Every structure is written in structure tokens, then in C-alpha cells.
């Protein structure tokens, strides 16, 4: 049932109301900007808010529609960008002090495509510094706070994008994903996040972490909304060396594709050490998925040990000089692994070759030989922990969560992977279900994820955060790891 508050509409509902002239883009954009003004002091989801620019853009798009020209389903829809994605004449900070004055000279390719589709860009979202962490607690602009509990991390590195979507500050947001940076915060904030096959969406104009692993993709409240954005940004970019020239299918049509013949694969290695509430939610979700499809069986996935290309990011970061994460201009101890130089060429070549080999292996040995269509895993194994704990860990040079993750392998494999809400903990925190398909088979993933959401209501739940909520105060040790309180 559609709510009367336009900020709480789905993207699809907003599009339908815009086309029917029941609301204007200016009104829709104002509703989102007003929520940003109210709730950003709580969640810290945005680094830069583009109120005047967004309203001007919305006004121009309303005039276009009045003249009979609507560009598509994103025409007039407020969307946000992660702050490592370039937007011309607006700063791109990547959550850092080093890039605080970095004004983009041109749009990233995904930004260009969103503009062409008629999206209204309302702001740039906060993130884990240089995308080099999975919490979004470590940012020069202060930690992103989880809308379901302000004491907790929002996940990262696209934490601001996930929090903004969860709080209805926008109808979708763009994130990036190198080791899980779309899916981790989407799961922790109770929204949907999708990274398509590696090379499907251009990463040109995005501050890199590791080019051979970097993905870009949308976060939204439903699979349908996420897919609508993906349709607009996917496609070959001949100026992006990572982009692959592979025809983009009709993702929206895939929403209603049958799922009864899909074969599910369960890999036990992803289920070790689950939090009890996560395990319970996954057990219920898998039972439902199994009933909807041809069934599930155990599968073995290839090891990702020795894969990667960690030296690639050093090429970009080396150009920034000593300001990058060396206790100088930026946050000390934020991501020591990412601060390393370019490394030995022979090590890089071994990692690069292993990465390409494992991508071939997963296609041949899992999807073909073991005869499955979709891999089913928990998105993350545990519930979010406190920002205080994470920043204290950073102060002690142990910034990364020491527990095993479930997202990184899917970046190494390059597989199209979505996360959708599949339950809640006893303390009211969302749990994420991860579905992965074979390379270039996004449509299988879309069909099953949408069918799951049609059969459940987890994705319809909203945080109970109120405008008068108190923001927890960090200890001096934790606060020292951020620039919280800096002038925006």
C-alpha cells in the first residue's frame, strides 16, 4: 500500500506518480532534501549536500516532462553518489582530508549516464576513507552511523550510500565494491545492494582502490528499484580499461522471469561461525528459496588465497604523496595495508594471474561442472558492532574486523551478486541474504531476488529513527581517528 509521504515511496512508485503528474520532481526532491536536513546530523550519511543544484536540476527536468519529453524511469528521481564518484564541479573527497579540495573536472561515466537518464543528484555520500575498510567508521568527516542503532557501524565502504537509502534521503544511491563495499553496508542497513559482473559497469572517474577488483553498482530499497538504476548505468565504456563489451540484457524484464528451474548451490565455508540470529534468518530464507526453485545442494568453491592485485591502488595513492594515511594530513592507522607502495612486480603478476585463473575456475568448476545457477550465502556472518569498538581498534593499528568475511570472494570471482534483507535479529538489526550468479547472468540473480522479495516483507521495514534522537558521544581515543566536527 502506497504511503502519502512521497519520500517513503519506492522508486517505481515515485516514477509512476511523476508520470501521472501527481507530483513534480521539485516536490519529490524537496521531500528528500528535507529528510537529509533532518536526519543527516544523526546518521552522517552525506559529506556534500547539493540542495540548490538539485532543485535547479529538478526544475529543468519538470519543464522537459511538461514539454512531453521524459527520459525514462529515472527522470526526475533523486539519487545520491558515493563520494569517490566524480561529479563535475563538485568535490570528490573519498572520505579523506587529502582530497578535501579535489574538485572534479568532469563526470564519472556512471554520473554521466545517470544525468542522461534524468536522475536528480542530491549529494555525495560519506564513506570509509579511500574505500579502504568495511565499516565507514573511519572517515575524515566522521563515522557513518547505522540508522537502526546510532551506536553501531553502518558497514562499508559505501556506508553513507546505504544509510541514505535506509533513511529515505534518496530513492537510490551509487556505491562501489572491491571486497564487499556495496553489499556489507546494504545488509547492515537493511537495503538492497547489487554489484553486477566485473566489467559490466564503468569505474572510470571513480577513485580507485584496486582496479582489478573494483565494481560500481546501485543500492535501493527493492530489487526492482536497484535493477532500474543498474539498467541506466550498465554498459561498455571504451575509455575504461576494465570495461567489457558484452551486450546488456533487459534487466527490468528479468524481474518476472520464472525461477522454478533454478538450481541453488550452498557452500559450507560461507556458513562457519555465523551469529545465531544470522543463522536463523538464513535457515528460514534458504528453506523458502528451496521451495521456490529446483532445490539446493552443497558445492565447493575455489580458494582465493594468493589472488588479488593489492599493489594496483598504490599506483594511484603514490601520486597523492605522504598525505595519504601516514599520520600526516589524513587519519592515522586508518588502513595501513592500503598505504603501502606499489610492491614487487613479481608479486603483483602472481596475484594478477591467480585472480584471472580463479575467475575461469569458478565458471567452469562451479556453475558448469557442479551444475548450479545461483550461489546462496549469508552476506555477513555477524551483526554490526559499535563505532567506538571499531575506532578503538583503528587507534591500536588493528582497523579491520578480524573475523572472516563473506563478500570478498565474490569480488575475486567477479560474479554478479545481490544482497537483500532476509530477517532481523532479536535486537532489531537487519540480516542480509546474498545471491550470486554465473558471470554475465545477472538476470538469474534478479529473478530470484525479486521473487524472494515478492514472497517476504523484510525489505519494507524502516528504521524507527526520530528527529530528536541523541547522537552517541565518542571517547577521545575513538574521536581522534576521525575528523568528526570538521567544517563541511
Protein backbone atom coordinates (compact mmCIF):
# COMPACT_ATOMS: atom_id res chain seq x y z
CA UNK A 1 0.00 0.00 0.00
CA UNK A 2 1.46 3.34 -1.06
CA UNK A 3 2.15 5.88 1.71
CA UNK A 4 1.09 9.52 1.31
CA UNK A 5 4.60 10.76 2.16
CA UNK A 6 6.48 10.83 -1.19
CA UNK A 7 9.84 10.28 0.49
CA UNK A 8 8.60 6.82 1.52
CA UNK A 9 7.58 5.76 -1.97
CA UNK A 10 9.63 3.20 -3.81
CA UNK A 11 11.47 4.45 -6.87
CA UNK A 12 8.86 2.73 -9.03
CA UNK A 13 6.03 4.48 -7.17
CA UNK A 14 7.81 7.83 -7.48
CA UNK A 15 8.23 7.34 -11.23
CA UNK A 16 4.56 6.40 -11.67
CA UNK A 17 3.43 9.47 -9.73
CA UNK A 18 5.74 11.75 -11.68
CA UNK A 19 4.45 10.44 -15.00
CA UNK A 20 0.84 10.84 -13.84
CA UNK A 21 1.62 14.48 -12.87
CA UNK A 22 0.51 13.81 -9.28
CA UNK A 23 3.81 15.26 -8.07
CA UNK A 24 6.67 17.23 -9.58
CA UNK A 25 10.37 16.44 -9.45
CA UNK A 26 10.88 19.65 -7.47
CA UNK A 27 8.42 18.43 -4.83
CA UNK A 28 9.95 14.96 -4.76
CA UNK A 29 13.47 16.37 -4.50
CA UNK A 30 12.43 18.80 -1.77
CA UNK A 31 10.98 15.92 0.26
CA UNK A 32 14.31 14.07 0.10
CA UNK A 33 16.40 17.17 0.81
CA UNK A 34 14.24 17.98 3.84
CA UNK A 35 14.86 14.49 5.21
CA UNK A 36 18.60 14.92 4.61
CA UNK A 37 18.49 18.18 6.57
CA UNK A 38 16.64 16.47 9.42
CA UNK A 39 18.49 13.16 9.63
CA UNK A 40 22.00 13.77 8.31
CA UNK A 41 23.07 15.23 11.69
CA UNK A 42 22.14 11.80 13.10
CA UNK A 43 23.50 9.35 10.52
CA UNK A 44 26.23 11.48 8.92
CA UNK A 45 25.39 9.84 5.58
CA UNK A 46 26.38 12.83 3.40
CA UNK A 47 29.61 14.76 3.05
CA UNK A 48 28.24 17.20 0.47
CA UNK A 49 24.56 18.09 0.00
CA UNK A 50 23.66 19.74 -3.31
CA UNK A 51 20.39 21.43 -2.39
CA UNK A 52 20.42 24.39 -4.79
CA UNK A 53 21.94 22.39 -7.65
CA UNK A 54 19.49 19.51 -7.20
CA UNK A 55 16.43 21.78 -7.09
CA UNK A 56 17.60 23.58 -10.24
CA UNK A 57 18.08 20.24 -11.96
CA UNK A 58 14.64 19.06 -10.84
CA UNK A 59 13.02 22.26 -12.13
CA UNK A 60 14.63 21.79 -15.55
CA UNK A 61 13.51 18.15 -15.68
CA UNK A 62 9.94 19.17 -14.80
CA UNK A 63 9.98 21.55 -17.76
CA UNK A 64 11.20 18.73 -20.01
CA UNK A 65 8.38 16.47 -18.91
CA UNK A 66 5.81 19.24 -19.33
CA UNK A 67 7.05 19.57 -22.91
CA UNK A 68 6.37 15.87 -23.45
CA UNK A 69 9.91 14.58 -23.05
CA UNK A 70 10.53 12.06 -20.25
CA UNK A 71 13.92 10.37 -20.46
CA UNK A 72 12.91 7.14 -18.75
CA UNK A 73 12.14 5.70 -15.30
CA UNK A 74 14.85 7.80 -13.58
CA UNK A 75 13.58 11.11 -14.98
CA UNK A 76 13.22 13.46 -12.00
CA UNK A 77 14.23 10.85 -9.39
CA UNK A 78 16.57 11.95 -6.54
CA UNK A 79 19.69 9.77 -6.38
CA UNK A 80 22.96 10.12 -4.39
CA UNK A 81 26.57 9.33 -5.27
CA UNK A 82 29.26 7.81 -3.07
CA UNK A 83 31.96 10.42 -2.54
CA UNK A 84 34.57 8.57 -4.57
CA UNK A 85 32.48 9.03 -7.75
CA UNK A 86 33.22 12.21 -9.69
CA UNK A 87 30.53 14.82 -10.28
CA UNK A 88 31.78 17.75 -12.36
CA UNK A 89 32.42 20.99 -10.44
CA UNK A 90 31.79 19.25 -7.10
CA UNK A 91 34.47 17.95 -4.74
CA UNK A 92 35.31 14.25 -4.57
CA UNK A 93 36.94 13.56 -1.20
CA UNK A 94 36.80 9.76 -0.89
CA UNK A 95 36.26 10.39 2.83
CA UNK A 96 39.73 11.91 3.17
CA UNK A 97 41.34 15.20 4.12
CA UNK A 98 43.90 14.73 1.35
CA UNK A 99 41.17 15.18 -1.30
CA UNK A 100 39.08 17.71 0.63
CA UNK A 101 39.74 20.36 -2.02
CA UNK A 102 39.63 17.99 -5.00
CA UNK A 103 37.07 19.45 -7.44
CA UNK A 104 36.15 17.04 -10.22
CA UNK A 105 36.66 18.45 -13.71
CA UNK A 106 34.24 16.05 -15.39
CA UNK A 107 31.62 13.45 -14.55
CA UNK A 108 32.45 9.82 -13.91
CA UNK A 109 30.89 7.62 -16.58
CA UNK A 110 28.20 6.39 -14.17
CA UNK A 111 27.39 10.00 -13.28
CA UNK A 112 27.13 10.90 -16.96
CA UNK A 113 24.73 8.02 -17.54
CA UNK A 114 22.59 8.97 -14.55
CA UNK A 115 22.37 12.56 -15.78
CA UNK A 116 21.43 11.34 -19.24
CA UNK A 117 18.69 9.20 -17.70
CA UNK A 118 17.28 12.26 -15.90
CA UNK A 119 18.33 11.48 -12.33
CA UNK A 120 18.48 14.38 -9.87
CA UNK A 121 21.78 14.21 -7.96
CA UNK A 122 21.16 15.33 -4.37
CA UNK A 123 24.59 14.83 -2.82
CA UNK A 124 27.81 12.91 -2.22
CA UNK A 125 27.71 10.20 0.47
CA UNK A 126 30.16 9.63 3.30
CA UNK A 127 32.36 6.54 3.16
CA UNK A 128 35.26 4.67 4.73
CA UNK A 129 38.37 6.66 3.90
CA UNK A 130 39.57 5.85 0.38
CA UNK A 131 37.17 2.86 0.44
CA UNK A 132 39.87 1.01 2.38
CA UNK A 133 37.70 -0.58 5.05
CA UNK A 134 34.39 -2.31 5.71
CA UNK A 135 32.83 -0.12 8.41
CA UNK A 136 32.59 3.55 7.28
CA UNK A 137 33.57 4.41 10.85
CA UNK A 138 36.93 5.78 9.72
CA UNK A 139 36.28 8.90 7.67
CA UNK A 140 37.78 12.36 7.95
CA UNK A 141 34.20 13.63 8.00
CA UNK A 142 33.20 11.48 10.96
CA UNK A 143 31.71 7.99 11.13
CA UNK A 144 28.57 6.97 9.29
CA UNK A 145 26.04 5.82 11.88
CA UNK A 146 23.66 2.91 11.38
CA UNK A 147 20.04 4.17 11.12
CA UNK A 148 18.82 1.15 13.08
CA UNK A 149 21.10 1.98 16.05
CA UNK A 150 23.27 5.10 16.01
CA UNK A 151 25.92 3.48 18.21
CA UNK A 152 26.68 0.91 15.52
CA UNK A 153 28.66 0.90 12.28
CA UNK A 154 26.73 1.19 9.03
CA UNK A 155 29.12 -1.10 7.15
CA UNK A 156 31.46 -0.02 4.41
CA UNK A 157 32.89 1.32 2.50
CA UNK A 158 29.63 2.61 0.94
CA UNK A 159 28.11 3.20 4.38
CA UNK A 160 26.74 6.65 3.60
CA UNK A 161 25.01 5.37 0.47
CA UNK A 162 23.30 2.58 2.44
CA UNK A 163 22.30 4.84 5.34
CA UNK A 164 20.92 7.47 2.95
CA UNK A 165 18.72 4.89 1.21
CA UNK A 166 17.57 3.37 4.51
CA UNK A 167 16.56 6.81 5.80
CA UNK A 168 14.69 7.73 2.57
CA UNK A 169 17.09 10.58 1.85
CA UNK A 170 17.05 9.48 -1.79
CA UNK A 171 15.45 6.74 -3.87
CA UNK A 172 18.74 5.06 -4.70
CA UNK A 173 22.46 5.64 -4.27
CA UNK A 174 25.61 4.60 -6.09
CA UNK A 175 28.26 2.61 -4.24
CA UNK A 176 31.49 0.83 -5.09
CA UNK A 177 32.52 -2.70 -4.18
CA UNK A 178 36.06 -4.10 -4.03
CA UNK A 179 35.75 -6.52 -1.11
CA UNK A 180 32.06 -6.11 -0.30
CA UNK A 181 31.63 -2.35 -0.04
CA UNK A 182 28.14 -2.28 -1.55
CA UNK A 183 26.82 -5.48 -0.01
CA UNK A 184 28.16 -5.15 3.55
CA UNK A 185 26.53 -1.77 4.28
CA UNK A 186 23.37 -2.73 2.37
CA UNK A 187 23.00 -5.77 4.63
CA UNK A 188 23.77 -3.84 7.82
CA UNK A 189 21.33 -1.04 6.93
CA UNK A 190 18.54 -3.28 5.66
CA UNK A 191 18.50 -2.28 1.98
CA UNK A 192 19.21 -3.97 -1.35
CA UNK A 193 22.65 -3.69 -2.97
CA UNK A 194 23.81 -5.11 -6.29
CA UNK A 195 27.20 -5.43 -7.95
CA UNK A 196 26.91 -6.76 -11.48
CA UNK A 197 29.56 -8.89 -13.22
CA UNK A 198 33.04 -7.37 -13.09
CA UNK A 199 33.41 -5.06 -16.08
CA UNK A 200 29.65 -4.55 -16.56
CA UNK A 201 29.57 -1.04 -15.03
CA UNK A 202 32.29 1.51 -15.80
CA UNK A 203 34.64 2.54 -13.00
CA UNK A 204 36.15 5.44 -14.94
CA UNK A 205 36.06 8.63 -12.91
CA UNK A 206 35.98 6.75 -9.59
CA UNK A 207 38.79 6.99 -7.03
CA UNK A 208 40.31 3.50 -7.26
CA UNK A 209 41.09 1.02 -4.54
CA UNK A 210 42.12 -1.98 -6.67
CA UNK A 211 41.25 -1.72 -10.37
CA UNK A 212 41.12 -5.48 -10.93
CA UNK A 213 38.52 -5.87 -8.17
CA UNK A 214 36.66 -2.56 -8.21
CA UNK A 215 32.95 -2.73 -9.08
CA UNK A 216 30.34 0.03 -9.13
CA UNK A 217 26.63 -0.51 -8.53
CA UNK A 218 23.34 0.68 -7.04
CA UNK A 219 21.73 0.48 -3.62
CA UNK A 220 17.98 0.93 -3.24
CA UNK A 221 15.10 -0.33 -1.13
CA UNK A 222 13.87 -3.03 -3.51
CA UNK A 223 15.28 -5.31 -6.17
CA UNK A 224 13.07 -3.61 -8.75
CA UNK A 225 14.42 -0.16 -7.86
CA UNK A 226 18.01 -1.39 -7.82
CA UNK A 227 17.62 -3.01 -11.23
CA UNK A 228 16.08 0.16 -12.67
CA UNK A 229 19.23 2.08 -11.74
CA UNK A 230 21.51 -0.73 -12.94
CA UNK A 231 19.80 -0.65 -16.34
CA UNK A 232 20.76 3.01 -16.68
CA UNK A 233 24.42 2.71 -15.66
CA UNK A 234 25.43 -0.66 -17.16
CA UNK A 235 27.19 -0.89 -20.49
CA UNK A 236 30.53 -0.77 -22.25
CA UNK A 237 32.80 2.23 -21.79
CA UNK A 238 35.62 2.16 -24.34
CA UNK A 239 37.65 4.62 -22.25
CA UNK A 240 37.62 2.32 -19.20
CA UNK A 241 40.28 -0.39 -19.42
CA UNK A 242 38.29 -2.64 -17.06
CA UNK A 243 35.05 -2.37 -19.02
CA UNK A 244 33.92 -5.39 -21.06
CA UNK A 245 31.99 -5.10 -24.32
CA UNK A 246 29.15 -7.51 -23.55
CA UNK A 247 25.52 -6.78 -24.53
CA UNK A 248 23.40 -5.57 -21.61
CA UNK A 249 20.20 -7.61 -21.25
CA UNK A 250 16.80 -6.25 -20.28
CA UNK A 251 17.14 -6.33 -16.51
CA UNK A 252 13.65 -5.00 -15.85
CA UNK A 253 12.10 -7.82 -17.90
CA UNK A 254 14.10 -10.31 -15.80
CA UNK A 255 12.12 -9.31 -12.71
CA UNK A 256 9.23 -11.51 -13.80
CA UNK A 257 11.27 -14.41 -15.22
CA UNK A 258 10.38 -17.87 -13.81
CA UNK A 259 12.61 -19.26 -11.07
CA UNK A 260 11.24 -22.80 -10.64
CA UNK A 261 14.07 -24.39 -12.65
CA UNK A 262 16.94 -22.53 -10.98
CA UNK A 263 19.41 -24.78 -9.15
CA UNK A 264 20.89 -23.47 -5.90
CA UNK A 265 24.40 -24.05 -4.58
CA UNK A 266 25.30 -23.88 -0.88
CA UNK A 267 28.97 -23.64 0.06
CA UNK A 268 29.52 -24.62 3.75
CA UNK A 269 32.66 -22.47 4.01
CA UNK A 270 30.45 -19.35 3.99
CA UNK A 271 28.38 -20.56 6.94
CA UNK A 272 31.13 -21.08 9.55
CA UNK A 273 30.89 -19.00 12.71
CA UNK A 274 27.53 -17.37 12.00
CA UNK A 275 25.90 -15.26 14.68
CA UNK A 276 22.89 -17.20 15.99
CA UNK A 277 20.37 -14.66 14.70
CA UNK A 278 22.04 -14.58 11.28
CA UNK A 279 21.99 -18.38 11.13
CA UNK A 280 18.28 -18.48 12.00
CA UNK A 281 17.38 -15.91 9.35
CA UNK A 282 19.43 -17.71 6.69
CA UNK A 283 17.93 -21.09 7.52
CA UNK A 284 14.44 -19.69 7.00
CA UNK A 285 15.43 -17.87 3.80
CA UNK A 286 17.08 -20.94 2.28
CA UNK A 287 14.02 -23.04 3.05
CA UNK A 288 11.89 -20.52 1.22
CA UNK A 289 14.27 -20.30 -1.74
CA UNK A 290 14.47 -24.08 -1.99
CA UNK A 291 10.68 -24.31 -2.15
CA UNK A 292 10.60 -21.72 -4.95
CA UNK A 293 13.30 -23.36 -7.11
CA UNK A 294 14.50 -26.77 -8.26
CA UNK A 295 16.33 -27.29 -4.97
CA UNK A 296 19.74 -26.84 -3.36
CA UNK A 297 22.92 -28.85 -2.98
CA UNK A 298 26.35 -28.38 -1.47
CA UNK A 299 29.05 -27.04 -3.77
CA UNK A 300 32.78 -26.47 -3.41
CA UNK A 301 34.22 -23.11 -4.41
CA UNK A 302 37.83 -22.48 -5.48
CA UNK A 303 40.21 -20.87 -2.99
CA UNK A 304 41.04 -17.18 -3.39
CA UNK A 305 44.33 -17.47 -1.49
CA UNK A 306 47.03 -15.68 -3.43
CA UNK A 307 44.58 -13.85 -5.68
CA UNK A 308 44.13 -10.12 -5.97
CA UNK A 309 46.08 -7.14 -7.14
CA UNK A 310 46.72 -5.20 -3.97
CA UNK A 311 49.58 -3.23 -5.48
CA UNK A 312 47.34 -1.53 -8.03
CA UNK A 313 45.93 1.00 -5.60
CA UNK A 314 49.45 2.05 -4.65
CA UNK A 315 49.90 3.47 -8.13
CA UNK A 316 47.08 5.96 -7.53
CA UNK A 317 47.86 6.62 -3.88
CA UNK A 318 51.58 7.10 -4.51
CA UNK A 319 50.69 10.15 -6.59
CA UNK A 320 48.96 11.68 -3.56
CA UNK A 321 52.22 11.75 -1.63
CA UNK A 322 52.72 11.36 2.09
CA UNK A 323 49.33 12.90 2.87
CA UNK A 324 47.73 9.50 2.39
CA UNK A 325 47.26 7.66 5.67
CA UNK A 326 50.71 8.14 7.13
CA UNK A 327 49.69 10.06 10.21
CA UNK A 328 50.02 13.25 8.21
CA UNK A 329 47.11 15.01 6.54
CA UNK A 330 44.81 12.02 6.91
CA UNK A 331 43.58 9.70 9.63
CA UNK A 332 46.45 7.71 11.18
CA UNK A 333 46.19 3.93 11.14
CA UNK A 334 43.01 4.03 9.07
CA UNK A 335 44.10 1.42 6.57
CA UNK A 336 47.79 0.53 6.82
CA UNK A 337 47.55 -2.16 4.14
CA UNK A 338 46.22 0.37 1.66
CA UNK A 339 49.01 2.80 2.47
CA UNK A 340 51.73 0.54 1.13
CA UNK A 341 53.63 1.32 -2.00
CA UNK A 342 53.35 -0.46 -5.31
CA UNK A 343 55.13 -3.61 -4.10
CA UNK A 344 57.26 -6.04 -6.07
CA UNK A 345 56.32 -6.52 -9.70
CA UNK A 346 56.70 -10.29 -9.43
CA UNK A 347 54.20 -10.43 -6.53
CA UNK A 348 51.71 -8.37 -8.46
CA UNK A 349 52.00 -10.60 -11.53
CA UNK A 350 51.42 -13.74 -9.44
CA UNK A 351 48.32 -12.20 -7.82
CA UNK A 352 47.01 -10.93 -11.15
CA UNK A 353 47.37 -14.31 -12.84
CA UNK A 354 45.81 -16.13 -9.88
CA UNK A 355 42.85 -13.76 -9.99
CA UNK A 356 42.19 -14.42 -13.65
CA UNK A 357 42.58 -18.15 -13.16
CA UNK A 358 40.08 -18.29 -10.30
CA UNK A 359 37.53 -16.38 -12.37
CA UNK A 360 37.74 -19.05 -15.05
CA UNK A 361 37.67 -21.82 -12.47
CA UNK A 362 34.51 -20.64 -10.76
CA UNK A 363 32.67 -20.53 -14.07
CA UNK A 364 33.82 -23.95 -15.23
CA UNK A 365 34.06 -25.91 -11.98
CA UNK A 366 31.09 -24.49 -10.07
CA UNK A 367 28.39 -23.33 -12.45
CA UNK A 368 29.07 -25.83 -15.24
CA UNK A 369 30.55 -28.98 -13.68
CA UNK A 370 28.63 -28.80 -10.40
CA UNK A 371 25.51 -27.70 -12.31
CA UNK A 372 24.15 -24.81 -10.27
CA UNK A 373 22.70 -21.45 -11.29
CA UNK A 374 22.73 -19.44 -8.07
CA UNK A 375 25.04 -19.47 -5.03
CA UNK A 376 23.30 -18.70 -1.74
CA UNK A 377 25.29 -17.28 1.19
CA UNK A 378 24.89 -15.01 4.20
CA UNK A 379 26.04 -11.53 3.22
CA UNK A 380 27.84 -11.04 6.53
CA UNK A 381 28.35 -13.54 9.34
CA UNK A 382 27.72 -11.27 12.28
CA UNK A 383 25.68 -8.29 13.41
CA UNK A 384 27.10 -4.75 13.33
CA UNK A 385 29.38 -3.79 16.21
CA UNK A 386 29.88 -0.38 17.81
CA UNK A 387 31.62 2.56 16.21
CA UNK A 388 33.51 3.01 19.48
CA UNK A 389 34.90 -0.53 19.21
CA UNK A 390 35.90 -0.05 15.58
CA UNK A 391 37.64 3.28 16.13
CA UNK A 392 39.44 1.95 19.19
CA UNK A 393 40.66 -0.92 17.03
CA UNK A 394 41.88 1.64 14.48
CA UNK A 395 43.74 3.51 17.20
CA UNK A 396 45.54 0.28 18.05
CA UNK A 397 46.53 -0.27 14.39
CA UNK A 398 44.03 -3.11 14.03
CA UNK A 399 41.43 -1.38 11.86
CA UNK A 400 39.92 -4.36 10.09
CA UNK A 401 37.40 -6.76 11.53
CA UNK A 402 39.45 -9.91 12.26
CA UNK A 403 36.55 -12.30 11.59
CA UNK A 404 36.20 -13.96 8.18
CA UNK A 405 34.03 -12.19 5.63
CA UNK A 406 31.63 -13.49 3.01
CA UNK A 407 31.83 -10.75 0.40
CA UNK A 408 35.45 -10.58 -0.78
CA UNK A 409 35.43 -13.91 -2.63
CA UNK A 410 32.57 -12.77 -4.87
CA UNK A 411 34.67 -9.78 -5.98
CA UNK A 412 37.60 -12.07 -6.75
CA UNK A 413 35.28 -14.34 -8.71
CA UNK A 414 33.78 -11.28 -10.41
CA UNK A 415 30.28 -12.74 -10.09
CA UNK A 416 27.06 -10.71 -10.22
CA UNK A 417 25.90 -10.61 -6.60
CA UNK A 418 22.97 -9.02 -4.81
CA UNK A 419 22.14 -8.71 -1.13
CA UNK A 420 18.56 -8.44 0.10
CA UNK A 421 17.14 -8.25 3.63
CA UNK A 422 16.06 -11.69 4.88
CA UNK A 423 15.29 -11.17 8.55
CA UNK A 424 16.09 -9.32 11.75
CA UNK A 425 17.97 -10.11 14.92
CA UNK A 426 16.32 -10.21 18.32
CA UNK A 427 17.70 -6.70 18.86
CA UNK A 428 16.05 -5.40 15.69
CA UNK A 429 19.05 -5.35 13.33
CA UNK A 430 18.67 -6.41 9.68
CA UNK A 431 20.24 -9.57 8.26
CA UNK A 432 21.30 -9.91 4.61
CA UNK A 433 20.96 -12.77 2.12
CA UNK A 434 23.47 -12.91 -0.73
CA UNK A 435 22.65 -14.40 -4.15
CA UNK A 436 25.33 -14.83 -6.83
CA UNK A 437 25.02 -15.98 -10.43
CA UNK A 438 27.42 -17.01 -13.17
CA UNK A 439 29.31 -14.26 -14.96
CA UNK A 440 27.03 -12.16 -17.21
CA UNK A 441 23.97 -13.96 -15.80
CA UNK A 442 22.60 -11.02 -13.82
CA UNK A 443 19.09 -11.93 -14.97
CA UNK A 444 19.07 -15.17 -12.94
CA UNK A 445 20.07 -13.27 -9.82
CA UNK A 446 17.47 -10.57 -10.44
CA UNK A 447 14.65 -13.05 -10.99
CA UNK A 448 15.28 -15.00 -7.79
CA UNK A 449 15.94 -11.95 -5.61
CA UNK A 450 12.76 -10.27 -6.82
CA UNK A 451 10.73 -13.46 -6.29
CA UNK A 452 12.07 -13.65 -2.73
CA UNK A 453 11.05 -10.05 -2.05
CA UNK A 454 7.61 -10.67 -3.52
CA UNK A 455 7.19 -13.51 -1.01
CA UNK A 456 8.56 -11.64 2.04
CA UNK A 457 8.29 -8.20 3.62
CA UNK A 458 11.70 -7.76 5.23
CA UNK A 459 12.64 -5.04 2.70
CA UNK A 460 9.59 -2.95 3.61
CA UNK A 461 10.64 -2.33 7.21
CA UNK A 462 12.04 1.08 8.15
CA UNK A 463 14.34 2.30 10.95
CA UNK A 464 12.47 3.96 13.81
CA UNK A 465 14.99 6.82 14.00
CA UNK A 466 13.34 10.10 15.04
CA UNK A 467 14.46 13.72 14.58
CA UNK A 468 15.06 14.10 18.33
CA UNK A 469 17.34 11.04 18.62
CA UNK A 470 20.56 11.70 20.53
CA UNK A 471 23.84 11.04 18.76
CA UNK A 472 26.20 8.97 20.97
CA UNK A 473 29.37 10.75 22.07
CA UNK A 474 32.65 9.07 21.17
CA UNK A 475 35.53 8.72 23.60
CA UNK A 476 38.58 10.89 22.98
CA UNK A 477 40.53 7.85 21.74
CA UNK A 478 37.86 6.93 19.21
CA UNK A 479 37.17 10.51 18.11
CA UNK A 480 40.87 11.01 17.36
CA UNK A 481 40.53 8.53 14.48
CA UNK A 482 38.07 10.79 12.64
CA UNK A 483 37.66 14.38 11.66
CA UNK A 484 34.18 14.45 13.21
CA UNK A 485 33.10 18.02 13.61
CA UNK A 486 35.13 19.41 10.68
CA UNK A 487 33.51 22.09 8.58
CA UNK A 488 31.73 20.53 5.63
